N, C-alpha and C. Protein backbone atom coordinates (compact mmCIF):
# COMPACT_ATOMS: atom_id res chain seq x y z
N MET A 1 -5.32 -2.06 -23.33
CA MET A 1 -3.96 -1.70 -22.90
C MET A 1 -3.40 -2.85 -22.10
N ALA A 2 -2.18 -3.26 -22.40
CA ALA A 2 -1.55 -4.34 -21.66
C ALA A 2 -1.10 -3.89 -20.30
N ARG A 3 -1.25 -4.78 -19.33
CA ARG A 3 -0.89 -4.46 -17.95
C ARG A 3 0.62 -4.59 -17.80
N ALA A 4 1.22 -3.61 -17.16
CA ALA A 4 2.67 -3.67 -16.88
C ALA A 4 2.92 -4.70 -15.84
N LEU A 5 4.09 -5.27 -15.86
CA LEU A 5 4.49 -6.24 -14.86
C LEU A 5 5.13 -5.57 -13.66
N LEU A 6 4.90 -6.14 -12.51
CA LEU A 6 5.60 -5.70 -11.30
C LEU A 6 6.90 -6.47 -11.24
N VAL A 7 7.99 -5.71 -11.27
CA VAL A 7 9.30 -6.36 -11.35
C VAL A 7 9.95 -6.42 -9.95
N GLU A 8 10.93 -7.24 -9.82
CA GLU A 8 11.60 -7.46 -8.54
C GLU A 8 12.17 -6.17 -7.98
N SER A 9 12.66 -5.26 -8.81
CA SER A 9 13.21 -4.02 -8.28
C SER A 9 12.10 -3.16 -7.64
N ASP A 10 10.90 -3.20 -8.20
CA ASP A 10 9.76 -2.48 -7.57
C ASP A 10 9.43 -3.09 -6.23
N ILE A 11 9.42 -4.40 -6.13
CA ILE A 11 9.13 -5.06 -4.87
C ILE A 11 10.19 -4.71 -3.81
N GLU A 12 11.47 -4.69 -4.23
CA GLU A 12 12.55 -4.33 -3.32
C GLU A 12 12.43 -2.90 -2.83
N ARG A 13 12.11 -1.98 -3.80
CA ARG A 13 11.96 -0.53 -3.41
C ARG A 13 10.80 -0.35 -2.44
N GLY A 14 9.69 -1.06 -2.67
CA GLY A 14 8.55 -0.97 -1.76
C GLY A 14 8.94 -1.43 -0.37
N ASN A 15 9.66 -2.53 -0.30
CA ASN A 15 10.10 -3.06 0.99
C ASN A 15 11.06 -2.09 1.66
N GLU A 16 11.94 -1.47 0.87
CA GLU A 16 12.87 -0.49 1.42
C GLU A 16 12.11 0.72 1.93
N LEU A 17 11.09 1.21 1.19
CA LEU A 17 10.33 2.34 1.63
C LEU A 17 9.63 2.07 2.95
N ILE A 18 9.06 0.90 3.12
CA ILE A 18 8.39 0.56 4.33
C ILE A 18 9.39 0.55 5.52
N GLY A 19 10.57 0.07 5.25
CA GLY A 19 11.63 0.08 6.27
C GLY A 19 12.01 1.50 6.65
N ILE A 20 12.11 2.38 5.69
CA ILE A 20 12.43 3.78 5.95
C ILE A 20 11.31 4.43 6.80
N LEU A 21 10.08 4.15 6.43
CA LEU A 21 8.95 4.71 7.18
C LEU A 21 8.92 4.16 8.63
N ASP A 22 9.15 2.86 8.77
CA ASP A 22 9.18 2.25 10.11
C ASP A 22 10.22 2.91 10.97
N LYS A 23 11.42 3.10 10.41
CA LYS A 23 12.54 3.71 11.11
C LYS A 23 12.22 5.12 11.58
N ALA A 24 11.48 5.85 10.75
CA ALA A 24 11.12 7.21 11.02
C ALA A 24 9.90 7.33 11.95
N GLY A 25 9.26 6.22 12.27
CA GLY A 25 8.10 6.27 13.16
C GLY A 25 6.82 6.61 12.44
N TYR A 26 6.81 6.53 11.09
CA TYR A 26 5.60 6.81 10.31
C TYR A 26 4.73 5.57 10.40
N PRO A 27 3.46 5.70 10.86
CA PRO A 27 2.63 4.53 11.09
C PRO A 27 2.11 3.90 9.78
N VAL A 28 2.49 2.64 9.55
CA VAL A 28 2.06 1.90 8.41
C VAL A 28 1.18 0.72 8.86
N HIS A 29 -0.10 0.83 8.62
CA HIS A 29 -1.05 -0.24 9.01
C HIS A 29 -0.97 -1.42 8.05
N SER A 30 -1.01 -1.10 6.76
CA SER A 30 -0.95 -2.12 5.70
C SER A 30 -0.21 -1.52 4.49
N ALA A 31 0.43 -2.40 3.71
CA ALA A 31 1.15 -1.91 2.55
C ALA A 31 1.16 -3.00 1.50
N LEU A 32 0.98 -2.59 0.23
CA LEU A 32 0.96 -3.56 -0.86
C LEU A 32 1.12 -2.82 -2.21
N TRP A 33 1.72 -3.52 -3.15
CA TRP A 33 1.66 -3.04 -4.53
C TRP A 33 0.35 -3.55 -5.06
N LEU A 34 -0.40 -2.67 -5.75
CA LEU A 34 -1.74 -3.04 -6.22
C LEU A 34 -1.91 -2.73 -7.70
N TYR A 35 -2.48 -3.69 -8.40
CA TYR A 35 -2.95 -3.43 -9.77
C TYR A 35 -4.48 -3.70 -9.79
N SER A 36 -5.22 -2.65 -10.03
CA SER A 36 -6.67 -2.78 -10.05
C SER A 36 -7.18 -1.82 -11.12
N SER A 37 -7.57 -2.36 -12.27
CA SER A 37 -7.94 -1.51 -13.41
C SER A 37 -9.19 -0.66 -13.16
N ASP A 38 -10.01 -1.03 -12.13
CA ASP A 38 -11.16 -0.18 -11.86
C ASP A 38 -10.77 1.06 -11.06
N ARG A 39 -9.53 1.12 -10.55
CA ARG A 39 -9.05 2.32 -9.90
C ARG A 39 -8.05 3.10 -10.74
N TYR A 40 -7.09 2.37 -11.34
CA TYR A 40 -6.09 2.98 -12.20
C TYR A 40 -5.43 1.87 -13.01
N ASP A 41 -4.84 2.21 -14.11
CA ASP A 41 -4.23 1.20 -15.03
C ASP A 41 -2.74 1.12 -14.88
N GLU A 42 -2.27 1.12 -13.64
CA GLU A 42 -0.84 0.98 -13.38
C GLU A 42 -0.67 0.44 -11.95
N TRP A 43 0.50 -0.04 -11.67
CA TRP A 43 0.80 -0.48 -10.31
C TRP A 43 0.92 0.73 -9.41
N ARG A 44 0.38 0.60 -8.22
CA ARG A 44 0.52 1.64 -7.18
C ARG A 44 0.96 1.01 -5.90
N LEU A 45 1.84 1.68 -5.19
CA LEU A 45 2.20 1.23 -3.86
C LEU A 45 1.18 1.85 -2.88
N VAL A 46 0.27 1.03 -2.40
CA VAL A 46 -0.80 1.49 -1.52
C VAL A 46 -0.33 1.32 -0.07
N ILE A 47 -0.33 2.40 0.66
CA ILE A 47 0.06 2.38 2.09
C ILE A 47 -1.12 2.91 2.88
N ALA A 48 -1.62 2.05 3.75
CA ALA A 48 -2.70 2.45 4.65
C ALA A 48 -2.05 2.98 5.93
N THR A 49 -2.39 4.21 6.27
CA THR A 49 -1.84 4.82 7.47
C THR A 49 -2.97 5.56 8.21
N PRO A 50 -3.02 5.47 9.54
CA PRO A 50 -3.99 6.20 10.29
C PRO A 50 -3.85 7.73 10.18
N LEU A 51 -2.69 8.17 9.68
CA LEU A 51 -2.48 9.60 9.51
C LEU A 51 -3.48 10.21 8.52
N VAL A 52 -3.96 9.40 7.56
CA VAL A 52 -4.93 9.91 6.59
C VAL A 52 -6.22 10.33 7.32
N ASP A 53 -6.63 9.52 8.31
CA ASP A 53 -7.83 9.86 9.09
C ASP A 53 -7.57 10.95 10.11
N LYS A 54 -6.40 10.89 10.78
CA LYS A 54 -6.13 11.82 11.86
C LYS A 54 -5.76 13.21 11.41
N GLU A 55 -4.94 13.30 10.32
CA GLU A 55 -4.42 14.62 9.90
C GLU A 55 -4.81 14.98 8.48
N GLY A 56 -5.39 14.06 7.74
CA GLY A 56 -5.78 14.32 6.36
C GLY A 56 -4.76 13.82 5.38
N PRO A 57 -5.19 13.54 4.14
CA PRO A 57 -4.24 12.99 3.14
C PRO A 57 -3.06 13.93 2.81
N LEU A 58 -3.31 15.24 2.71
CA LEU A 58 -2.23 16.14 2.36
C LEU A 58 -1.13 16.11 3.42
N ALA A 59 -1.49 16.19 4.68
CA ALA A 59 -0.50 16.14 5.77
C ALA A 59 0.24 14.78 5.77
N ALA A 60 -0.48 13.70 5.48
CA ALA A 60 0.16 12.36 5.45
C ALA A 60 1.22 12.33 4.33
N TYR A 61 0.88 12.86 3.14
CA TYR A 61 1.85 12.91 2.03
C TYR A 61 3.01 13.82 2.36
N GLN A 62 2.72 14.94 2.98
CA GLN A 62 3.80 15.88 3.33
C GLN A 62 4.78 15.25 4.31
N LYS A 63 4.29 14.51 5.28
CA LYS A 63 5.18 13.83 6.23
C LYS A 63 6.01 12.79 5.51
N LEU A 64 5.38 11.99 4.64
CA LEU A 64 6.11 10.98 3.90
C LEU A 64 7.20 11.61 3.04
N ASP A 65 6.86 12.68 2.34
CA ASP A 65 7.80 13.38 1.47
C ASP A 65 8.96 13.97 2.32
N GLY A 66 8.64 14.51 3.49
CA GLY A 66 9.66 15.06 4.37
C GLY A 66 10.62 14.00 4.82
N ILE A 67 10.15 12.81 5.14
CA ILE A 67 10.99 11.69 5.56
C ILE A 67 11.93 11.31 4.42
N LEU A 68 11.37 11.18 3.20
CA LEU A 68 12.22 10.82 2.08
C LEU A 68 13.24 11.89 1.73
N ARG A 69 12.84 13.13 1.78
CA ARG A 69 13.79 14.22 1.49
C ARG A 69 14.92 14.28 2.50
N LYS A 70 14.60 14.00 3.76
CA LYS A 70 15.61 14.05 4.84
C LYS A 70 16.50 12.84 4.85
N ASP A 71 15.86 11.66 4.84
CA ASP A 71 16.60 10.40 5.03
C ASP A 71 17.09 9.80 3.73
N ARG A 72 16.37 9.95 2.63
CA ARG A 72 16.69 9.30 1.38
C ARG A 72 16.40 10.15 0.16
N PRO A 73 17.08 11.26 -0.04
CA PRO A 73 16.75 12.10 -1.20
C PRO A 73 16.97 11.42 -2.52
N ASP A 74 17.72 10.34 -2.56
CA ASP A 74 18.00 9.57 -3.78
C ASP A 74 16.98 8.48 -4.00
N PHE A 75 15.96 8.34 -3.18
CA PHE A 75 15.04 7.21 -3.29
C PHE A 75 14.30 7.29 -4.62
N VAL A 76 14.07 6.12 -5.26
CA VAL A 76 13.61 6.05 -6.64
C VAL A 76 12.07 6.03 -6.82
N VAL A 77 11.29 5.65 -5.83
CA VAL A 77 9.84 5.62 -6.00
C VAL A 77 9.29 7.03 -5.91
N SER A 78 8.49 7.42 -6.91
CA SER A 78 7.94 8.79 -6.89
C SER A 78 6.64 8.80 -6.10
N LEU A 79 6.30 9.97 -5.58
CA LEU A 79 5.05 10.09 -4.82
C LEU A 79 3.85 9.82 -5.71
N ARG A 80 3.98 9.97 -7.02
CA ARG A 80 2.89 9.65 -7.95
C ARG A 80 2.54 8.17 -7.92
N GLN A 81 3.52 7.32 -7.62
CA GLN A 81 3.29 5.87 -7.55
C GLN A 81 2.70 5.44 -6.22
N ILE A 82 2.70 6.31 -5.26
CA ILE A 82 2.27 5.96 -3.92
C ILE A 82 0.86 6.46 -3.67
N GLN A 83 0.02 5.59 -3.14
CA GLN A 83 -1.35 5.94 -2.83
C GLN A 83 -1.50 5.78 -1.32
N LEU A 84 -1.68 6.88 -0.58
CA LEU A 84 -1.92 6.80 0.85
C LEU A 84 -3.41 6.75 1.08
N VAL A 85 -3.83 5.77 1.88
CA VAL A 85 -5.26 5.57 2.16
C VAL A 85 -5.47 5.34 3.65
N SER A 86 -6.71 5.43 4.06
CA SER A 86 -7.12 5.10 5.42
C SER A 86 -7.06 3.58 5.62
N PRO A 87 -6.83 3.12 6.84
CA PRO A 87 -6.92 1.70 7.11
C PRO A 87 -8.33 1.13 6.86
N THR A 88 -9.33 2.00 6.72
CA THR A 88 -10.68 1.58 6.44
C THR A 88 -11.02 1.55 4.93
N ASP A 89 -10.04 1.85 4.08
CA ASP A 89 -10.23 1.82 2.66
C ASP A 89 -10.75 0.44 2.20
N LEU A 90 -11.60 0.42 1.18
CA LEU A 90 -12.24 -0.79 0.71
C LEU A 90 -11.21 -1.85 0.30
N VAL A 91 -10.16 -1.47 -0.41
CA VAL A 91 -9.13 -2.45 -0.79
C VAL A 91 -8.43 -3.00 0.44
N ILE A 92 -8.10 -2.16 1.38
CA ILE A 92 -7.43 -2.62 2.59
C ILE A 92 -8.35 -3.56 3.37
N ARG A 93 -9.60 -3.23 3.47
CA ARG A 93 -10.55 -4.13 4.14
C ARG A 93 -10.64 -5.48 3.42
N SER A 94 -10.61 -5.45 2.11
CA SER A 94 -10.67 -6.69 1.32
C SER A 94 -9.44 -7.56 1.61
N VAL A 95 -8.27 -6.95 1.66
CA VAL A 95 -7.04 -7.69 1.96
C VAL A 95 -7.11 -8.24 3.36
N ASN A 96 -7.59 -7.42 4.29
CA ASN A 96 -7.70 -7.89 5.70
C ASN A 96 -8.68 -9.05 5.83
N GLU A 97 -9.72 -9.08 4.99
CA GLU A 97 -10.65 -10.22 5.02
C GLU A 97 -9.96 -11.46 4.45
N THR A 98 -9.08 -11.31 3.44
CA THR A 98 -8.39 -12.42 2.89
C THR A 98 -7.34 -12.96 3.82
N TYR A 99 -6.70 -12.10 4.58
CA TYR A 99 -5.69 -12.49 5.56
C TYR A 99 -6.20 -12.00 6.93
N PRO A 100 -7.09 -12.78 7.58
CA PRO A 100 -7.77 -12.28 8.77
C PRO A 100 -6.95 -12.28 10.05
N THR A 101 -5.73 -12.71 10.05
CA THR A 101 -4.91 -12.69 11.27
C THR A 101 -3.66 -11.88 11.03
N ARG A 102 -2.92 -11.64 12.10
CA ARG A 102 -1.68 -10.86 12.03
C ARG A 102 -0.48 -11.77 11.77
N GLU A 103 -0.73 -13.02 11.40
CA GLU A 103 0.39 -13.91 11.16
C GLU A 103 1.17 -13.51 9.91
N SER A 104 2.34 -14.06 9.76
CA SER A 104 3.16 -13.77 8.63
C SER A 104 2.42 -14.11 7.33
N ILE A 105 2.71 -13.35 6.28
CA ILE A 105 2.12 -13.57 4.99
C ILE A 105 3.01 -14.61 4.28
N LEU A 106 2.48 -15.83 4.13
CA LEU A 106 3.26 -16.88 3.51
C LEU A 106 3.33 -16.78 2.01
N ASN A 107 2.22 -16.36 1.40
CA ASN A 107 2.19 -16.13 -0.05
C ASN A 107 1.79 -14.70 -0.30
N PRO A 108 2.78 -13.84 -0.58
CA PRO A 108 2.48 -12.39 -0.65
C PRO A 108 1.76 -11.97 -1.93
N THR A 109 1.51 -12.86 -2.88
CA THR A 109 0.88 -12.50 -4.13
C THR A 109 -0.60 -12.89 -4.07
N LEU A 110 -1.44 -11.92 -4.36
CA LEU A 110 -2.88 -12.09 -4.35
C LEU A 110 -3.40 -11.88 -5.73
N PHE A 111 -4.27 -12.76 -6.24
CA PHE A 111 -4.85 -12.64 -7.56
C PHE A 111 -6.37 -12.69 -7.46
N GLY A 112 -7.04 -11.84 -8.19
CA GLY A 112 -8.49 -11.92 -8.40
C GLY A 112 -9.34 -11.96 -7.14
N SER A 113 -9.27 -10.94 -6.33
CA SER A 113 -10.06 -10.85 -5.11
C SER A 113 -11.11 -9.76 -5.29
N THR A 114 -12.35 -10.06 -4.91
CA THR A 114 -13.44 -9.05 -4.96
C THR A 114 -13.98 -8.86 -3.57
N SER A 115 -14.31 -7.62 -3.27
CA SER A 115 -14.87 -7.32 -1.97
C SER A 115 -15.78 -6.07 -2.05
N GLY A 116 -16.68 -5.99 -1.10
CA GLY A 116 -17.53 -4.81 -1.04
C GLY A 116 -18.99 -5.12 -0.98
N THR A 117 -19.79 -4.11 -1.15
CA THR A 117 -21.25 -4.24 -1.15
C THR A 117 -21.74 -4.01 -2.59
N ALA A 118 -23.01 -4.07 -2.79
CA ALA A 118 -23.60 -3.84 -4.09
C ALA A 118 -23.26 -2.42 -4.62
N GLU A 119 -23.18 -1.45 -3.74
CA GLU A 119 -22.90 -0.10 -4.13
C GLU A 119 -21.41 0.19 -4.30
N THR A 120 -20.59 -0.49 -3.51
CA THR A 120 -19.16 -0.23 -3.57
C THR A 120 -18.41 -1.54 -3.63
N THR A 121 -18.02 -1.94 -4.80
CA THR A 121 -17.29 -3.19 -4.98
C THR A 121 -15.94 -2.86 -5.58
N THR A 122 -14.91 -3.59 -5.17
CA THR A 122 -13.61 -3.39 -5.76
C THR A 122 -13.09 -4.74 -6.20
N TYR A 123 -12.38 -4.76 -7.27
CA TYR A 123 -11.75 -5.97 -7.79
C TYR A 123 -10.27 -5.76 -7.78
N ILE A 124 -9.54 -6.64 -7.08
CA ILE A 124 -8.10 -6.58 -7.01
C ILE A 124 -7.58 -7.59 -8.02
N GLU A 125 -7.07 -7.11 -9.14
CA GLU A 125 -6.58 -8.02 -10.16
C GLU A 125 -5.31 -8.73 -9.69
N GLN A 126 -4.43 -7.95 -9.12
CA GLN A 126 -3.20 -8.54 -8.57
C GLN A 126 -2.61 -7.62 -7.50
N ALA A 127 -2.02 -8.19 -6.51
CA ALA A 127 -1.36 -7.41 -5.46
C ALA A 127 -0.16 -8.18 -4.93
N HIS A 128 0.82 -7.44 -4.48
CA HIS A 128 1.95 -8.02 -3.73
C HIS A 128 1.89 -7.42 -2.35
N LEU A 129 1.70 -8.26 -1.37
CA LEU A 129 1.49 -7.78 0.02
C LEU A 129 2.80 -7.72 0.77
N TYR A 130 2.94 -6.62 1.52
CA TYR A 130 4.04 -6.48 2.49
C TYR A 130 3.53 -6.66 3.89
N ARG A 131 2.42 -6.03 4.18
CA ARG A 131 1.94 -5.96 5.54
C ARG A 131 0.41 -5.81 5.52
N VAL A 132 -0.26 -6.56 6.41
CA VAL A 132 -1.68 -6.38 6.64
C VAL A 132 -1.93 -6.29 8.17
N HIS A 133 -3.00 -5.62 8.51
CA HIS A 133 -3.38 -5.52 9.92
C HIS A 133 -2.33 -4.87 10.81
N GLY A 134 -1.45 -4.07 10.25
CA GLY A 134 -0.46 -3.43 11.09
C GLY A 134 0.46 -4.41 11.77
N THR A 135 0.85 -5.48 11.09
CA THR A 135 1.67 -6.53 11.71
C THR A 135 3.00 -6.03 12.26
N ASN A 136 3.50 -4.91 11.77
CA ASN A 136 4.77 -4.39 12.27
C ASN A 136 4.59 -2.99 12.93
N GLU A 137 3.37 -2.68 13.32
CA GLU A 137 3.16 -1.33 13.97
C GLU A 137 3.72 -1.40 15.37
């Protein structure tokens, strides 16, 4: 199956969503568009938030959905495209290892990164990074 391309409008919508969440006080530790065929065969907007650990994934999605329904009912990214994860998620840790400081991301596109242990390895085929290490928390 051919991999879909991440287009500029997706990148803009992801950036807009992060801005909406920041304005609403929703904690975003890291955020990126991710294509990783060992997880799923489509692009996903992965958002690492401490709410997943503190309140659980369902509550984190409900808060995100509530923000979008209240502030932007016309927003185009569906919740199916969004993957909420813990800041300790393997992919997030891999990205944090690649970008070990809170400095600005000069090249937001990441290709072919592998991270993990013998039991749990993840391969990031491609990613577009918005934020790592909670640079805007």
